[in-house]
Amino acid sequence: TATNIVAGDLSYSEKMQLIRILDKLEKFHQPIFNRNID
């Protein structure tokens, strides 16, 4: 229920678009995080 509330009133199409954008950001930041830079 909490996760459904977080997604708010986004339509299915908006959720899919948001997932694609967030996934792109995730793929950018994760390799940087894994390098354990000071």
ModelCIF file with pLDDT and N, C-alpha, C, O atoms, coordinates in Angstrom:
data_MODEL
#
_entry.id   MODEL 
#
_entity.id                         1 
_entity.type                       polymer 
_entity.pdbx_number_of_molecules   1 
#
_entity_poly.entity_id                      1 
_entity_poly.type                           'polypeptide(L)' 
_entity_poly.nstd_linkage                   no 
_entity_poly.nstd_monomer                   no 
_entity_poly.pdbx_seq_one_letter_code       TATNIVAGDLSYSEKMQLIRILDKLEKFHQPIFNRNID 
_entity_poly.pdbx_seq_one_letter_code_can   TATNIVAGDLSYSEKMQLIRILDKLEKFHQPIFNRNID 
_entity_poly.pdbx_strand_id                 A 
#
loop_
_entity_poly_seq.entity_id 
_entity_poly_seq.num 
_entity_poly_seq.mon_id 
_entity_poly_seq.hetero 
1 1  THR n 
1 2  ALA n 
1 3  THR n 
1 4  ASN n 
1 5  ILE n 
1 6  VAL n 
1 7  ALA n 
1 8  GLY n 
1 9  ASP n 
1 10 LEU n 
1 11 SER n 
1 12 TYR n 
1 13 SER n 
1 14 GLU n 
1 15 LYS n 
1 16 MET n 
1 17 GLN n 
1 18 LEU n 
1 19 ILE n 
1 20 ARG n 
1 21 ILE n 
1 22 LEU n 
1 23 ASP n 
1 24 LYS n 
1 25 LEU n 
1 26 GLU n 
1 27 LYS n 
1 28 PHE n 
1 29 HIS n 
1 30 GLN n 
1 31 PRO n 
1 32 ILE n 
1 33 PHE n 
1 34 ASN n 
1 35 ARG n 
1 36 ASN n 
1 37 ILE n 
1 38 ASP n 
#
_struct_asym.id          A 
_struct_asym.entity_id   1 
#
loop_
_ma_qa_metric.id 
_ma_qa_metric.mode 
_ma_qa_metric.name 
_ma_qa_metric.software_group_id 
_ma_qa_metric.type 
1 global pLDDT . pLDDT 
2 local  pLDDT . pLDDT 
#
_ma_qa_metric_global.metric_id      1 
_ma_qa_metric_global.metric_value   90.42 
_ma_qa_metric_global.model_id       1 
_ma_qa_metric_global.ordinal_id     1 
#
loop_
_ma_qa_metric_local.label_asym_id 
_ma_qa_metric_local.label_comp_id 
_ma_qa_metric_local.label_seq_id 
_ma_qa_metric_local.metric_id 
_ma_qa_metric_local.metric_value 
_ma_qa_metric_local.model_id 
_ma_qa_metric_local.ordinal_id 
A THR 1  2 94.00 1 1  
A ALA 2  2 94.00 1 2  
A THR 3  2 92.00 1 3  
A ASN 4  2 93.00 1 4  
A ILE 5  2 95.00 1 5  
A VAL 6  2 94.00 1 6  
A ALA 7  2 92.00 1 7  
A GLY 8  2 91.00 1 8  
A ASP 9  2 87.00 1 9  
A LEU 10 2 87.00 1 10 
A SER 11 2 84.00 1 11 
A TYR 12 2 82.00 1 12 
A SER 13 2 81.00 1 13 
A GLU 14 2 86.00 1 14 
A LYS 15 2 89.00 1 15 
A MET 16 2 88.00 1 16 
A GLN 17 2 88.00 1 17 
A LEU 18 2 92.00 1 18 
A ILE 19 2 92.00 1 19 
A ARG 20 2 91.00 1 20 
A ILE 21 2 92.00 1 21 
A LEU 22 2 93.00 1 22 
A ASP 23 2 92.00 1 23 
A LYS 24 2 92.00 1 24 
A LEU 25 2 93.00 1 25 
A GLU 26 2 91.00 1 26 
A LYS 27 2 91.00 1 27 
A PHE 28 2 91.00 1 28 
A HIS 29 2 92.00 1 29 
A GLN 30 2 90.00 1 30 
A PRO 31 2 91.00 1 31 
A ILE 32 2 92.00 1 32 
A PHE 33 2 90.00 1 33 
A ASN 34 2 88.00 1 34 
A ARG 35 2 91.00 1 35 
A ASN 36 2 89.00 1 36 
A ILE 37 2 93.00 1 37 
A ASP 38 2 93.00 1 38 
#
loop_
_atom_site.group_PDB 
_atom_site.id 
_atom_site.type_symbol 
_atom_site.label_atom_id 
_atom_site.label_alt_id 
_atom_site.label_comp_id 
_atom_site.label_asym_id 
_atom_site.label_entity_id 
_atom_site.label_seq_id 
_atom_site.pdbx_PDB_ins_code 
_atom_site.Cartn_x 
_atom_site.Cartn_y 
_atom_site.Cartn_z 
_atom_site.occupancy 
_atom_site.B_iso_or_equiv 
_atom_site.pdbx_formal_charge 
_atom_site.auth_seq_id 
_atom_site.auth_comp_id 
_atom_site.auth_asym_id 
_atom_site.auth_atom_id 
_atom_site.pdbx_PDB_model_num 
ATOM 1   N N  . THR A 1 1  ? 0.835  -1.203 0.000   1.00 94.00 ? 1  THR A N  1 
ATOM 2   C CA . THR A 1 1  ? 0.000  0.000  0.000   1.00 94.00 ? 1  THR A CA 1 
ATOM 3   C C  . THR A 1 1  ? 0.867  1.250  0.000   1.00 94.00 ? 1  THR A C  1 
ATOM 4   O O  . THR A 1 1  ? 0.578  2.218  -0.703  1.00 94.00 ? 1  THR A O  1 
ATOM 5   N N  . ALA A 1 2  ? 1.940  1.220  0.799   1.00 94.00 ? 2  ALA A N  1 
ATOM 6   C CA . ALA A 1 2  ? 2.854  2.366  0.853   1.00 94.00 ? 2  ALA A CA 1 
ATOM 7   C C  . ALA A 1 2  ? 3.493  2.625  -0.512  1.00 94.00 ? 2  ALA A C  1 
ATOM 8   O O  . ALA A 1 2  ? 3.599  3.773  -0.943  1.00 94.00 ? 2  ALA A O  1 
ATOM 9   N N  . THR A 1 3  ? 3.917  1.554  -1.189  1.00 92.00 ? 3  THR A N  1 
ATOM 10  C CA . THR A 1 3  ? 4.544  1.732  -2.503  1.00 92.00 ? 3  THR A CA 1 
ATOM 11  C C  . THR A 1 3  ? 3.534  2.250  -3.528  1.00 92.00 ? 3  THR A C  1 
ATOM 12  O O  . THR A 1 3  ? 3.882  3.045  -4.401  1.00 92.00 ? 3  THR A O  1 
ATOM 13  N N  . ASN A 1 4  ? 2.289  1.801  -3.420  1.00 93.00 ? 4  ASN A N  1 
ATOM 14  C CA . ASN A 1 4  ? 1.250  2.305  -4.336  1.00 93.00 ? 4  ASN A CA 1 
ATOM 15  C C  . ASN A 1 4  ? 1.006  3.794  -4.117  1.00 93.00 ? 4  ASN A C  1 
ATOM 16  O O  . ASN A 1 4  ? 0.793  4.540  -5.073  1.00 93.00 ? 4  ASN A O  1 
ATOM 17  N N  . ILE A 1 5  ? 1.038  4.224  -2.858  1.00 95.00 ? 5  ILE A N  1 
ATOM 18  C CA . ILE A 1 5  ? 0.835  5.641  -2.552  1.00 95.00 ? 5  ILE A CA 1 
ATOM 19  C C  . ILE A 1 5  ? 1.976  6.480  -3.124  1.00 95.00 ? 5  ILE A C  1 
ATOM 20  O O  . ILE A 1 5  ? 1.748  7.572  -3.645  1.00 95.00 ? 5  ILE A O  1 
ATOM 21  N N  . VAL A 1 6  ? 3.202  5.968  -3.024  1.00 94.00 ? 6  VAL A N  1 
ATOM 22  C CA . VAL A 1 6  ? 4.372  6.697  -3.545  1.00 94.00 ? 6  VAL A CA 1 
ATOM 23  C C  . VAL A 1 6  ? 4.212  6.973  -5.041  1.00 94.00 ? 6  VAL A C  1 
ATOM 24  O O  . VAL A 1 6  ? 4.585  8.043  -5.521  1.00 94.00 ? 6  VAL A O  1 
ATOM 25  N N  . ALA A 1 7  ? 3.654  5.999  -5.779  1.00 92.00 ? 7  ALA A N  1 
ATOM 26  C CA . ALA A 1 7  ? 3.464  6.181  -7.226  1.00 92.00 ? 7  ALA A CA 1 
ATOM 27  C C  . ALA A 1 7  ? 2.362  7.177  -7.539  1.00 92.00 ? 7  ALA A C  1 
ATOM 28  O O  . ALA A 1 7  ? 2.208  7.595  -8.687  1.00 92.00 ? 7  ALA A O  1 
ATOM 29  N N  . GLY A 1 8  ? 1.583  7.566  -6.510  1.00 91.00 ? 8  GLY A N  1 
ATOM 30  C CA . GLY A 1 8  ? 0.591  8.629  -6.674  1.00 91.00 ? 8  GLY A CA 1 
ATOM 31  C C  . GLY A 1 8  ? -0.453 8.332  -7.729  1.00 91.00 ? 8  GLY A C  1 
ATOM 32  O O  . GLY A 1 8  ? -0.887 7.191  -7.887  1.00 91.00 ? 8  GLY A O  1 
ATOM 33  N N  . ASP A 1 9  ? -0.857 9.377  -8.456  1.00 87.00 ? 9  ASP A N  1 
ATOM 34  C CA . ASP A 1 9  ? -1.905 9.239  -9.463  1.00 87.00 ? 9  ASP A CA 1 
ATOM 35  C C  . ASP A 1 9  ? -1.346 9.162  -10.883 1.00 87.00 ? 9  ASP A C  1 
ATOM 36  O O  . ASP A 1 9  ? -2.027 9.525  -11.841 1.00 87.00 ? 9  ASP A O  1 
ATOM 37  N N  . LEU A 1 10 ? -0.113 8.693  -11.015 1.00 87.00 ? 10 LEU A N  1 
ATOM 38  C CA . LEU A 1 10 ? 0.461  8.525  -12.346 1.00 87.00 ? 10 LEU A CA 1 
ATOM 39  C C  . LEU A 1 10 ? -0.322 7.476  -13.125 1.00 87.00 ? 10 LEU A C  1 
ATOM 40  O O  . LEU A 1 10 ? -0.727 6.454  -12.571 1.00 87.00 ? 10 LEU A O  1 
ATOM 41  N N  . SER A 1 11 ? -0.531 7.731  -14.403 1.00 84.00 ? 11 SER A N  1 
ATOM 42  C CA . SER A 1 11 ? -1.160 6.733  -15.258 1.00 84.00 ? 11 SER A CA 1 
ATOM 43  C C  . SER A 1 11 ? -0.155 5.618  -15.534 1.00 84.00 ? 11 SER A C  1 
ATOM 44  O O  . SER A 1 11 ? 1.034  5.764  -15.249 1.00 84.00 ? 11 SER A O  1 
ATOM 45  N N  . TYR A 1 12 ? -0.635 4.506  -16.089 1.00 82.00 ? 12 TYR A N  1 
ATOM 46  C CA . TYR A 1 12 ? 0.265  3.396  -16.405 1.00 82.00 ? 12 TYR A CA 1 
ATOM 47  C C  . TYR A 1 12 ? 1.369  3.845  -17.352 1.00 82.00 ? 12 TYR A C  1 
ATOM 48  O O  . TYR A 1 12 ? 2.533  3.488  -17.166 1.00 82.00 ? 12 TYR A O  1 
ATOM 49  N N  . SER A 1 13 ? 1.011  4.624  -18.360 1.00 81.00 ? 13 SER A N  1 
ATOM 50  C CA . SER A 1 13 ? 2.009  5.093  -19.326 1.00 81.00 ? 13 SER A CA 1 
ATOM 51  C C  . SER A 1 13 ? 3.049  5.983  -18.658 1.00 81.00 ? 13 SER A C  1 
ATOM 52  O O  . SER A 1 13 ? 4.238  5.901  -18.967 1.00 81.00 ? 13 SER A O  1 
ATOM 53  N N  . GLU A 1 14 ? 2.596  6.835  -17.739 1.00 86.00 ? 14 GLU A N  1 
ATOM 54  C CA . GLU A 1 14 ? 3.527  7.708  -17.024 1.00 86.00 ? 14 GLU A CA 1 
ATOM 55  C C  . GLU A 1 14 ? 4.462  6.900  -16.135 1.00 86.00 ? 14 GLU A C  1 
ATOM 56  O O  . GLU A 1 14 ? 5.644  7.221  -16.014 1.00 86.00 ? 14 GLU A O  1 
ATOM 57  N N  . LYS A 1 15 ? 3.928  5.847  -15.513 1.00 89.00 ? 15 LYS A N  1 
ATOM 58  C CA . LYS A 1 15 ? 4.777  4.978  -14.687 1.00 89.00 ? 15 LYS A CA 1 
ATOM 59  C C  . LYS A 1 15 ? 5.857  4.320  -15.540 1.00 89.00 ? 15 LYS A C  1 
ATOM 60  O O  . LYS A 1 15 ? 7.016  4.247  -15.129 1.00 89.00 ? 15 LYS A O  1 
ATOM 61  N N  . MET A 1 16 ? 5.484  3.843  -16.721 1.00 88.00 ? 16 MET A N  1 
ATOM 62  C CA . MET A 1 16 ? 6.456  3.200  -17.602 1.00 88.00 ? 16 MET A CA 1 
ATOM 63  C C  . MET A 1 16 ? 7.529  4.183  -18.056 1.00 88.00 ? 16 MET A C  1 
ATOM 64  O O  . MET A 1 16 ? 8.709  3.841  -18.131 1.00 88.00 ? 16 MET A O  1 
ATOM 65  N N  . GLN A 1 17 ? 7.106  5.399  -18.355 1.00 88.00 ? 17 GLN A N  1 
ATOM 66  C CA . GLN A 1 17 ? 8.074  6.425  -18.768 1.00 88.00 ? 17 GLN A CA 1 
ATOM 67  C C  . GLN A 1 17 ? 9.014  6.771  -17.620 1.00 88.00 ? 17 GLN A C  1 
ATOM 68  O O  . GLN A 1 17 ? 10.218 6.929  -17.820 1.00 88.00 ? 17 GLN A O  1 
ATOM 69  N N  . LEU A 1 18 ? 8.457  6.887  -16.411 1.00 92.00 ? 18 LEU A N  1 
ATOM 70  C CA . LEU A 1 18 ? 9.273  7.215  -15.243 1.00 92.00 ? 18 LEU A CA 1 
ATOM 71  C C  . LEU A 1 18 ? 10.266 6.102  -14.942 1.00 92.00 ? 18 LEU A C  1 
ATOM 72  O O  . LEU A 1 18 ? 11.417 6.377  -14.607 1.00 92.00 ? 18 LEU A O  1 
ATOM 73  N N  . ILE A 1 19 ? 9.831  4.831  -15.059 1.00 92.00 ? 19 ILE A N  1 
ATOM 74  C CA . ILE A 1 19 ? 10.732 3.699  -14.837 1.00 92.00 ? 19 ILE A CA 1 
ATOM 75  C C  . ILE A 1 19 ? 11.909 3.761  -15.803 1.00 92.00 ? 19 ILE A C  1 
ATOM 76  O O  . ILE A 1 19 ? 13.052 3.530  -15.409 1.00 92.00 ? 19 ILE A O  1 
ATOM 77  N N  . ARG A 1 20 ? 11.631 4.071  -17.067 1.00 91.00 ? 20 ARG A N  1 
ATOM 78  C CA . ARG A 1 20 ? 12.708 4.152  -18.059 1.00 91.00 ? 20 ARG A CA 1 
ATOM 79  C C  . ARG A 1 20 ? 13.706 5.248  -17.701 1.00 91.00 ? 20 ARG A C  1 
ATOM 80  O O  . ARG A 1 20 ? 14.916 5.050  -17.811 1.00 91.00 ? 20 ARG A O  1 
ATOM 81  N N  . ILE A 1 21 ? 13.200 6.406  -17.273 1.00 92.00 ? 21 ILE A N  1 
ATOM 82  C CA . ILE A 1 21 ? 14.078 7.525  -16.928 1.00 92.00 ? 21 ILE A CA 1 
ATOM 83  C C  . ILE A 1 21 ? 14.899 7.207  -15.675 1.00 92.00 ? 21 ILE A C  1 
ATOM 84  O O  . ILE A 1 21 ? 16.108 7.436  -15.643 1.00 92.00 ? 21 ILE A O  1 
ATOM 85  N N  . LEU A 1 22 ? 14.231 6.677  -14.646 1.00 93.00 ? 22 LEU A N  1 
ATOM 86  C CA . LEU A 1 22 ? 14.934 6.348  -13.406 1.00 93.00 ? 22 LEU A CA 1 
ATOM 87  C C  . LEU A 1 22 ? 15.954 5.231  -13.629 1.00 93.00 ? 22 LEU A C  1 
ATOM 88  O O  . LEU A 1 22 ? 17.030 5.237  -13.032 1.00 93.00 ? 22 LEU A O  1 
ATOM 89  N N  . ASP A 1 23 ? 15.608 4.272  -14.494 1.00 92.00 ? 23 ASP A N  1 
ATOM 90  C CA . ASP A 1 23 ? 16.543 3.189  -14.803 1.00 92.00 ? 23 ASP A CA 1 
ATOM 91  C C  . ASP A 1 23 ? 17.793 3.736  -15.487 1.00 92.00 ? 23 ASP A C  1 
ATOM 92  O O  . ASP A 1 23 ? 18.905 3.272  -15.235 1.00 92.00 ? 23 ASP A O  1 
ATOM 93  N N  . LYS A 1 24 ? 17.596 4.727  -16.357 1.00 92.00 ? 24 LYS A N  1 
ATOM 94  C CA . LYS A 1 24 ? 18.737 5.346  -17.026 1.00 92.00 ? 24 LYS A CA 1 
ATOM 95  C C  . LYS A 1 24 ? 19.644 6.049  -16.017 1.00 92.00 ? 24 LYS A C  1 
ATOM 96  O O  . LYS A 1 24 ? 20.868 5.947  -16.099 1.00 92.00 ? 24 LYS A O  1 
ATOM 97  N N  . LEU A 1 25 ? 19.037 6.763  -15.064 1.00 93.00 ? 25 LEU A N  1 
ATOM 98  C CA . LEU A 1 25 ? 19.814 7.416  -14.015 1.00 93.00 ? 25 LEU A CA 1 
ATOM 99  C C  . LEU A 1 25 ? 20.525 6.399  -13.127 1.00 93.00 ? 25 LEU A C  1 
ATOM 100 O O  . LEU A 1 25 ? 21.681 6.583  -12.748 1.00 93.00 ? 25 LEU A O  1 
ATOM 101 N N  . GLU A 1 26 ? 19.809 5.321  -12.804 1.00 91.00 ? 26 GLU A N  1 
ATOM 102 C CA . GLU A 1 26 ? 20.397 4.255  -11.970 1.00 91.00 ? 26 GLU A CA 1 
ATOM 103 C C  . GLU A 1 26 ? 21.635 3.666  -12.643 1.00 91.00 ? 26 GLU A C  1 
ATOM 104 O O  . GLU A 1 26 ? 22.655 3.440  -11.992 1.00 91.00 ? 26 GLU A O  1 
ATOM 105 N N  . LYS A 1 27 ? 21.539 3.422  -13.938 1.00 91.00 ? 27 LYS A N  1 
ATOM 106 C CA . LYS A 1 27 ? 22.661 2.829  -14.679 1.00 91.00 ? 27 LYS A CA 1 
ATOM 107 C C  . LYS A 1 27 ? 23.833 3.800  -14.804 1.00 91.00 ? 27 LYS A C  1 
ATOM 108 O O  . LYS A 1 27 ? 24.975 3.380  -14.990 1.00 91.00 ? 27 LYS A O  1 
ATOM 109 N N  . PHE A 1 28 ? 23.550 5.094  -14.704 1.00 91.00 ? 28 PHE A N  1 
ATOM 110 C CA . PHE A 1 28 ? 24.630 6.084  -14.706 1.00 91.00 ? 28 PHE A CA 1 
ATOM 111 C C  . PHE A 1 28 ? 25.342 6.107  -13.361 1.00 91.00 ? 28 PHE A C  1 
ATOM 112 O O  . PHE A 1 28 ? 26.572 6.112  -13.303 1.00 91.00 ? 28 PHE A O  1 
ATOM 113 N N  . HIS A 1 29 ? 24.561 6.122  -12.272 1.00 92.00 ? 29 HIS A N  1 
ATOM 114 C CA . HIS A 1 29 ? 25.147 6.330  -10.950 1.00 92.00 ? 29 HIS A CA 1 
ATOM 115 C C  . HIS A 1 29 ? 25.725 5.073  -10.308 1.00 92.00 ? 29 HIS A C  1 
ATOM 116 O O  . HIS A 1 29 ? 26.695 5.166  -9.557  1.00 92.00 ? 29 HIS A O  1 
ATOM 117 N N  . GLN A 1 30 ? 25.164 3.914  -10.579 1.00 90.00 ? 30 GLN A N  1 
ATOM 118 C CA . GLN A 1 30 ? 25.614 2.707  -9.882  1.00 90.00 ? 30 GLN A CA 1 
ATOM 119 C C  . GLN A 1 30 ? 27.088 2.373  -10.119 1.00 90.00 ? 30 GLN A C  1 
ATOM 120 O O  . GLN A 1 30 ? 27.790 2.063  -9.156  1.00 90.00 ? 30 GLN A O  1 
ATOM 121 N N  . PRO A 1 31 ? 27.592 2.423  -11.370 1.00 91.00 ? 31 PRO A N  1 
ATOM 122 C CA . PRO A 1 31 ? 29.023 2.147  -11.562 1.00 91.00 ? 31 PRO A CA 1 
ATOM 123 C C  . PRO A 1 31 ? 29.929 3.137  -10.815 1.00 91.00 ? 31 PRO A C  1 
ATOM 124 O O  . PRO A 1 31 ? 31.010 2.778  -10.350 1.00 91.00 ? 31 PRO A O  1 
ATOM 125 N N  . ILE A 1 32 ? 29.467 4.379  -10.711 1.00 92.00 ? 32 ILE A N  1 
ATOM 126 C CA . ILE A 1 32 ? 30.241 5.376  -9.958  1.00 92.00 ? 32 ILE A CA 1 
ATOM 127 C C  . ILE A 1 32 ? 30.277 5.000  -8.480  1.00 92.00 ? 32 ILE A C  1 
ATOM 128 O O  . ILE A 1 32 ? 31.331 5.043  -7.845  1.00 92.00 ? 32 ILE A O  1 
ATOM 129 N N  . PHE A 1 33 ? 29.114 4.630  -7.939  1.00 90.00 ? 33 PHE A N  1 
ATOM 130 C CA . PHE A 1 33 ? 29.036 4.226  -6.531  1.00 90.00 ? 33 PHE A CA 1 
ATOM 131 C C  . PHE A 1 33 ? 29.911 3.003  -6.256  1.00 90.00 ? 33 PHE A C  1 
ATOM 132 O O  . PHE A 1 33 ? 30.563 2.922  -5.216  1.00 90.00 ? 33 PHE A O  1 
ATOM 133 N N  . ASN A 1 34 ? 29.920 2.058  -7.189  1.00 88.00 ? 34 ASN A N  1 
ATOM 134 C CA . ASN A 1 34 ? 30.680 0.820  -6.999  1.00 88.00 ? 34 ASN A CA 1 
ATOM 135 C C  . ASN A 1 34 ? 32.193 1.033  -7.013  1.00 88.00 ? 34 ASN A C  1 
ATOM 136 O O  . ASN A 1 34 ? 32.948 0.153  -6.600  1.00 88.00 ? 34 ASN A O  1 
ATOM 137 N N  . ARG A 1 35 ? 32.635 2.190  -7.482  1.00 91.00 ? 35 ARG A N  1 
ATOM 138 C CA . ARG A 1 35 ? 34.075 2.469  -7.503  1.00 91.00 ? 35 ARG A CA 1 
ATOM 139 C C  . ARG A 1 35 ? 34.618 2.884  -6.136  1.00 91.00 ? 35 ARG A C  1 
ATOM 140 O O  . ARG A 1 35 ? 35.830 2.945  -5.928  1.00 91.00 ? 35 ARG A O  1 
ATOM 141 N N  . ASN A 1 36 ? 33.698 3.167  -5.207  1.00 89.00 ? 36 ASN A N  1 
ATOM 142 C CA . ASN A 1 36 ? 34.111 3.544  -3.838  1.00 89.00 ? 36 ASN A CA 1 
ATOM 143 C C  . ASN A 1 36 ? 35.110 4.703  -3.824  1.00 89.00 ? 36 ASN A C  1 
ATOM 144 O O  . ASN A 1 36 ? 36.122 4.659  -3.125  1.00 89.00 ? 36 ASN A O  1 
ATOM 145 N N  . ILE A 1 37 ? 34.813 5.719  -4.593  1.00 93.00 ? 37 ILE A N  1 
ATOM 146 C CA . ILE A 1 37 ? 35.681 6.896  -4.645  1.00 93.00 ? 37 ILE A CA 1 
ATOM 147 C C  . ILE A 1 37 ? 35.582 7.647  -3.322  1.00 93.00 ? 37 ILE A C  1 
ATOM 148 O O  . ILE A 1 37 ? 34.496 7.789  -2.761  1.00 93.00 ? 37 ILE A O  1 
ATOM 149 N N  . ASP A 1 38 ? 36.713 8.125  -2.832  1.00 93.00 ? 38 ASP A N  1 
ATOM 150 C CA . ASP A 1 38 ? 36.733 8.874  -1.576  1.00 93.00 ? 38 ASP A CA 1 
ATOM 151 C C  . ASP A 1 38 ? 35.806 10.086 -1.678  1.00 93.00 ? 38 ASP A C  1 
ATOM 152 O O  . ASP A 1 38 ? 35.680 10.850 -0.721  1.00 93.00 ? 38 ASP A O  1 
#
